[in-house]
Amino acid sequence: MYPAELVKPMREDLTKVGFEELTTAEAVNTALSKAGTTLVVINSVCGCAAANARPGATMSLQNDKRPDNITTVFAGVDKDAVNAARDHMVPFPPSSPCMALFKDGELVHMLERHHIEGRPADLIAENLKDAYNVHC
């Protein structure tokens, strides 16, 4: 588990733009039981999260269509919340960072770590925007 002071600025990269931080399994399950669309970002301390994932997720919100709910859980910190989120992402293997779009509780789009690592934030944002345009 990472110290709170280490991950605080990494959490704030998303929460300051409106992402709801989910820290328990119950909070994840409640968020994913809502009608409409929900983006879940599994945040992490790795370099690709800082350089690509978090900026890409933020940039993706600059779109006419966007998810009804934007949420985040933090790998290596909120273990129960991350495990609950990953349970909803089956059949995809656990990875962090990653991003999943749900519609009415069903997984409709997934960006795994290998889709994020080494790709620029604007490309990640475009991938998410395309998913929003179809599902939101």
C-alpha atoms as a PDB file:
ATOM      1  CA  MET A   1       0.000   0.000   0.000  1.00  0.00           C
ATOM      2  CA  TYR A   2       1.238   3.444  -0.884  1.00  0.00           C
ATOM      3  CA  PRO A   3       1.339   6.254   1.684  1.00  0.00           C
ATOM      4  CA  ALA A   4      -1.563   8.719   1.483  1.00  0.00           C
ATOM      5  CA  GLU A   5       0.747  11.715   1.062  1.00  0.00           C
ATOM      6  CA  LEU A   6       2.388  10.083  -1.966  1.00  0.00           C
ATOM      7  CA  VAL A   7      -0.830   9.402  -3.859  1.00  0.00           C
ATOM      8  CA  LYS A   8      -2.735  12.554  -2.852  1.00  0.00           C
ATOM      9  CA  PRO A   9      -1.622  14.627  -5.873  1.00  0.00           C
ATOM     10  CA  MET A  10      -2.229  11.656  -8.188  1.00  0.00           C
ATOM     11  CA  ARG A  11      -5.761  11.298  -6.852  1.00  0.00           C
ATOM     12  CA  GLU A  12      -6.335  15.028  -7.244  1.00  0.00           C
ATOM     13  CA  ASP A  13      -5.390  14.904 -10.929  1.00  0.00           C
ATOM     14  CA  LEU A  14      -8.806  13.303 -11.422  1.00  0.00           C
ATOM     15  CA  THR A  15     -10.905  14.500  -8.498  1.00  0.00           C
ATOM     16  CA  LYS A  16     -10.195  18.176  -9.218  1.00  0.00           C
ATOM     17  CA  VAL A  17     -11.932  17.785 -12.603  1.00  0.00           C
ATOM     18  CA  GLY A  18     -14.960  16.036 -11.120  1.00  0.00           C
ATOM     19  CA  PHE A  19     -14.115  12.336 -10.855  1.00  0.00           C
ATOM     20  CA  GLU A  20     -15.774  10.736  -7.850  1.00  0.00           C
ATOM     21  CA  GLU A  21     -13.289   8.761  -5.813  1.00  0.00           C
ATOM     22  CA  LEU A  22     -14.580   5.338  -4.819  1.00  0.00           C
ATOM     23  CA  THR A  23     -12.720   3.818  -1.889  1.00  0.00           C
ATOM     24  CA  THR A  24     -14.873   0.807  -0.958  1.00  0.00           C
ATOM     25  CA  ALA A  25     -16.344  -2.166  -2.773  1.00  0.00           C
ATOM     26  CA  GLU A  26     -19.809  -0.982  -1.757  1.00  0.00           C
ATOM     27  CA  ALA A  27     -19.197   2.421  -3.359  1.00  0.00           C
ATOM     28  CA  VAL A  28     -18.073   0.756  -6.609  1.00  0.00           C
ATOM     29  CA  ASN A  29     -21.080  -1.560  -6.704  1.00  0.00           C
ATOM     30  CA  THR A  30     -23.433   1.344  -5.990  1.00  0.00           C
ATOM     31  CA  ALA A  31     -21.861   3.485  -8.722  1.00  0.00           C
ATOM     32  CA  LEU A  32     -22.117   0.694 -11.260  1.00  0.00           C
ATOM     33  CA  SER A  33     -25.736  -0.058 -10.382  1.00  0.00           C
ATOM     34  CA  LYS A  34     -26.826   3.418 -11.522  1.00  0.00           C
ATOM     35  CA  ALA A  35     -28.710   3.810 -14.786  1.00  0.00           C
ATOM     36  CA  GLY A  36     -26.804   5.548 -17.557  1.00  0.00           C
ATOM     37  CA  THR A  37     -23.109   5.545 -18.336  1.00  0.00           C
ATOM     38  CA  THR A  38     -20.229   5.398 -15.892  1.00  0.00           C
ATOM     39  CA  LEU A  39     -16.522   5.700 -16.586  1.00  0.00           C
ATOM     40  CA  VAL A  40     -14.245   3.941 -14.101  1.00  0.00           C
ATOM     41  CA  VAL A  41     -10.547   4.842 -14.143  1.00  0.00           C
ATOM     42  CA  ILE A  42      -8.258   2.531 -12.211  1.00  0.00           C
ATOM     43  CA  ASN A  43      -5.567   5.019 -11.284  1.00  0.00           C
ATOM     44  CA  SER A  44      -2.017   4.071 -10.325  1.00  0.00           C
ATOM     45  CA  VAL A  45       1.373   5.492  -9.417  1.00  0.00           C
ATOM     46  CA  CYS A  46       3.097   4.280 -12.575  1.00  0.00           C
ATOM     47  CA  GLY A  47       4.552   6.660 -15.110  1.00  0.00           C
ATOM     48  CA  CYS A  48       2.057   5.789 -17.827  1.00  0.00           C
ATOM     49  CA  ALA A  49      -0.765   6.841 -15.499  1.00  0.00           C
ATOM     50  CA  ALA A  50       0.835  10.240 -14.974  1.00  0.00           C
ATOM     51  CA  ALA A  51       1.919  10.869 -18.553  1.00  0.00           C
ATOM     52  CA  ASN A  52      -0.927   9.258 -20.447  1.00  0.00           C
ATOM     53  CA  ALA A  53      -3.878   7.830 -18.502  1.00  0.00           C
ATOM     54  CA  ARG A  54      -4.896  10.658 -16.188  1.00  0.00           C
ATOM     55  CA  PRO A  55      -4.378  13.402 -18.800  1.00  0.00           C
ATOM     56  CA  GLY A  56      -6.175  11.286 -21.410  1.00  0.00           C
ATOM     57  CA  ALA A  57      -9.146  10.687 -19.123  1.00  0.00           C
ATOM     58  CA  THR A  58      -9.357  14.401 -18.334  1.00  0.00           C
ATOM     59  CA  MET A  59      -9.045  15.427 -21.989  1.00  0.00           C
ATOM     60  CA  SER A  60     -11.765  12.955 -22.977  1.00  0.00           C
ATOM     61  CA  LEU A  61     -14.311  14.979 -21.044  1.00  0.00           C
ATOM     62  CA  GLN A  62     -13.997  17.790 -23.597  1.00  0.00           C
ATOM     63  CA  ASN A  63     -16.633  16.202 -25.779  1.00  0.00           C
ATOM     64  CA  ASP A  64     -20.291  16.845 -26.567  1.00  0.00           C
ATOM     65  CA  LYS A  65     -21.200  13.389 -25.290  1.00  0.00           C
ATOM     66  CA  ARG A  66     -19.701  12.189 -22.043  1.00  0.00           C
ATOM     67  CA  PRO A  67     -20.496   9.685 -19.303  1.00  0.00           C
ATOM     68  CA  ASP A  68     -23.213  10.474 -16.787  1.00  0.00           C
ATOM     69  CA  ASN A  69     -20.836   9.482 -13.995  1.00  0.00           C
ATOM     70  CA  ILE A  70     -17.048   9.659 -13.843  1.00  0.00           C
ATOM     71  CA  THR A  71     -15.349   7.664 -11.108  1.00  0.00           C
ATOM     72  CA  THR A  72     -11.932   6.473 -10.049  1.00  0.00           C
ATOM     73  CA  VAL A  73     -10.348   3.877  -7.779  1.00  0.00           C
ATOM     74  CA  PHE A  74      -6.655   3.744  -6.879  1.00  0.00           C
ATOM     75  CA  ALA A  75      -4.616   0.558  -7.363  1.00  0.00           C
ATOM     76  CA  GLY A  76      -2.239  -0.186  -4.514  1.00  0.00           C
ATOM     77  CA  VAL A  77      -4.324   1.894  -2.114  1.00  0.00           C
ATOM     78  CA  ASP A  78      -8.038   1.066  -2.183  1.00  0.00           C
ATOM     79  CA  LYS A  79      -7.715  -2.696  -2.509  1.00  0.00           C
ATOM     80  CA  ASP A  80     -11.378  -3.628  -1.950  1.00  0.00           C
ATOM     81  CA  ALA A  81     -12.629  -0.932  -4.329  1.00  0.00           C
ATOM     82  CA  VAL A  82     -10.153  -1.937  -7.028  1.00  0.00           C
ATOM     83  CA  ASN A  83     -11.046  -5.613  -6.670  1.00  0.00           C
ATOM     84  CA  ALA A  84     -14.755  -4.787  -6.950  1.00  0.00           C
ATOM     85  CA  ALA A  85     -14.136  -2.677 -10.063  1.00  0.00           C
ATOM     86  CA  ARG A  86     -12.067  -5.457 -11.612  1.00  0.00           C
ATOM     87  CA  ASP A  87     -14.835  -7.964 -10.871  1.00  0.00           C
ATOM     88  CA  HIS A  88     -17.073  -5.870 -13.126  1.00  0.00           C
ATOM     89  CA  MET A  89     -14.378  -5.823 -15.853  1.00  0.00           C
ATOM     90  CA  VAL A  90     -14.284  -9.584 -16.439  1.00  0.00           C
ATOM     91  CA  PRO A  91     -13.197 -11.112 -18.852  1.00  0.00           C
ATOM     92  CA  PHE A  92     -10.363  -8.577 -19.013  1.00  0.00           C
ATOM     93  CA  PRO A  93      -7.359  -9.406 -16.820  1.00  0.00           C
ATOM     94  CA  PRO A  94      -6.462  -7.002 -14.015  1.00  0.00           C
ATOM     95  CA  SER A  95      -4.306  -4.107 -15.117  1.00  0.00           C
ATOM     96  CA  SER A  96      -3.549  -0.617 -13.914  1.00  0.00           C
ATOM     97  CA  PRO A  97      -3.987   1.905 -15.076  1.00  0.00           C
ATOM     98  CA  CYS A  98      -7.057   1.019 -17.092  1.00  0.00           C
ATOM     99  CA  MET A  99     -10.387   2.582 -17.995  1.00  0.00           C
ATOM    100  CA  ALA A 100     -13.790   1.021 -18.431  1.00  0.00           C
ATOM    101  CA  LEU A 101     -17.048   2.471 -19.668  1.00  0.00           C
ATOM    102  CA  PHE A 102     -20.257   0.917 -18.381  1.00  0.00           C
ATOM    103  CA  LYS A 103     -23.785   1.465 -19.631  1.00  0.00           C
ATOM    104  CA  ASP A 104     -26.570   0.510 -17.237  1.00  0.00           C
ATOM    105  CA  GLY A 105     -24.036  -1.589 -15.321  1.00  0.00           C
ATOM    106  CA  GLU A 106     -22.768  -3.496 -18.372  1.00  0.00           C
ATOM    107  CA  LEU A 107     -19.190  -3.149 -19.591  1.00  0.00           C
ATOM    108  CA  VAL A 108     -19.277  -1.630 -23.096  1.00  0.00           C
ATOM    109  CA  HIS A 109     -15.699  -0.359 -23.631  1.00  0.00           C
ATOM    110  CA  MET A 110     -12.327  -1.197 -22.100  1.00  0.00           C
ATOM    111  CA  LEU A 111      -8.872   0.364 -22.291  1.00  0.00           C
ATOM    112  CA  GLU A 112      -6.313  -1.949 -20.746  1.00  0.00           C
ATOM    113  CA  ARG A 113      -2.836  -0.905 -19.684  1.00  0.00           C
ATOM    114  CA  HIS A 114      -1.379  -2.090 -22.998  1.00  0.00           C
ATOM    115  CA  HIS A 115      -3.740   0.359 -24.761  1.00  0.00           C
ATOM    116  CA  ILE A 116      -2.415   3.184 -22.542  1.00  0.00           C
ATOM    117  CA  GLU A 117       1.284   2.482 -22.087  1.00  0.00           C
ATOM    118  CA  GLY A 118       3.381   4.265 -24.706  1.00  0.00           C
ATOM    119  CA  ARG A 119       0.419   6.069 -26.245  1.00  0.00           C
ATOM    120  CA  PRO A 120      -0.021   9.833 -25.998  1.00  0.00           C
ATOM    121  CA  ALA A 121      -2.798  11.274 -23.860  1.00  0.00           C
ATOM    122  CA  ASP A 122      -4.599  12.776 -26.850  1.00  0.00           C
ATOM    123  CA  LEU A 123      -4.871   9.349 -28.512  1.00  0.00           C
ATOM    124  CA  ILE A 124      -6.292   7.871 -25.296  1.00  0.00           C
ATOM    125  CA  ALA A 125      -8.753  10.766 -25.095  1.00  0.00           C
ATOM    126  CA  GLU A 126      -9.853  10.184 -28.698  1.00  0.00           C
ATOM    127  CA  ASN A 127     -10.406   6.487 -27.994  1.00  0.00           C
ATOM    128  CA  LEU A 128     -12.632   7.369 -25.040  1.00  0.00           C
ATOM    129  CA  LYS A 129     -14.471  10.089 -26.976  1.00  0.00           C
ATOM    130  CA  ASP A 130     -15.277   7.559 -29.699  1.00  0.00           C
ATOM    131  CA  ALA A 131     -16.745   5.270 -27.035  1.00  0.00           C
ATOM    132  CA  TYR A 132     -18.745   8.156 -25.518  1.00  0.00           C
ATOM    133  CA  ASN A 133     -20.119   9.054 -28.950  1.00  0.00           C
ATOM    134  CA  VAL A 134     -21.415   5.506 -29.366  1.00  0.00           C
ATOM    135  CA  HIS A 135     -22.623   4.728 -25.830  1.00  0.00           C
ATOM    136  CA  CYS A 136     -23.434   8.030 -24.101  1.00  0.00           C
END
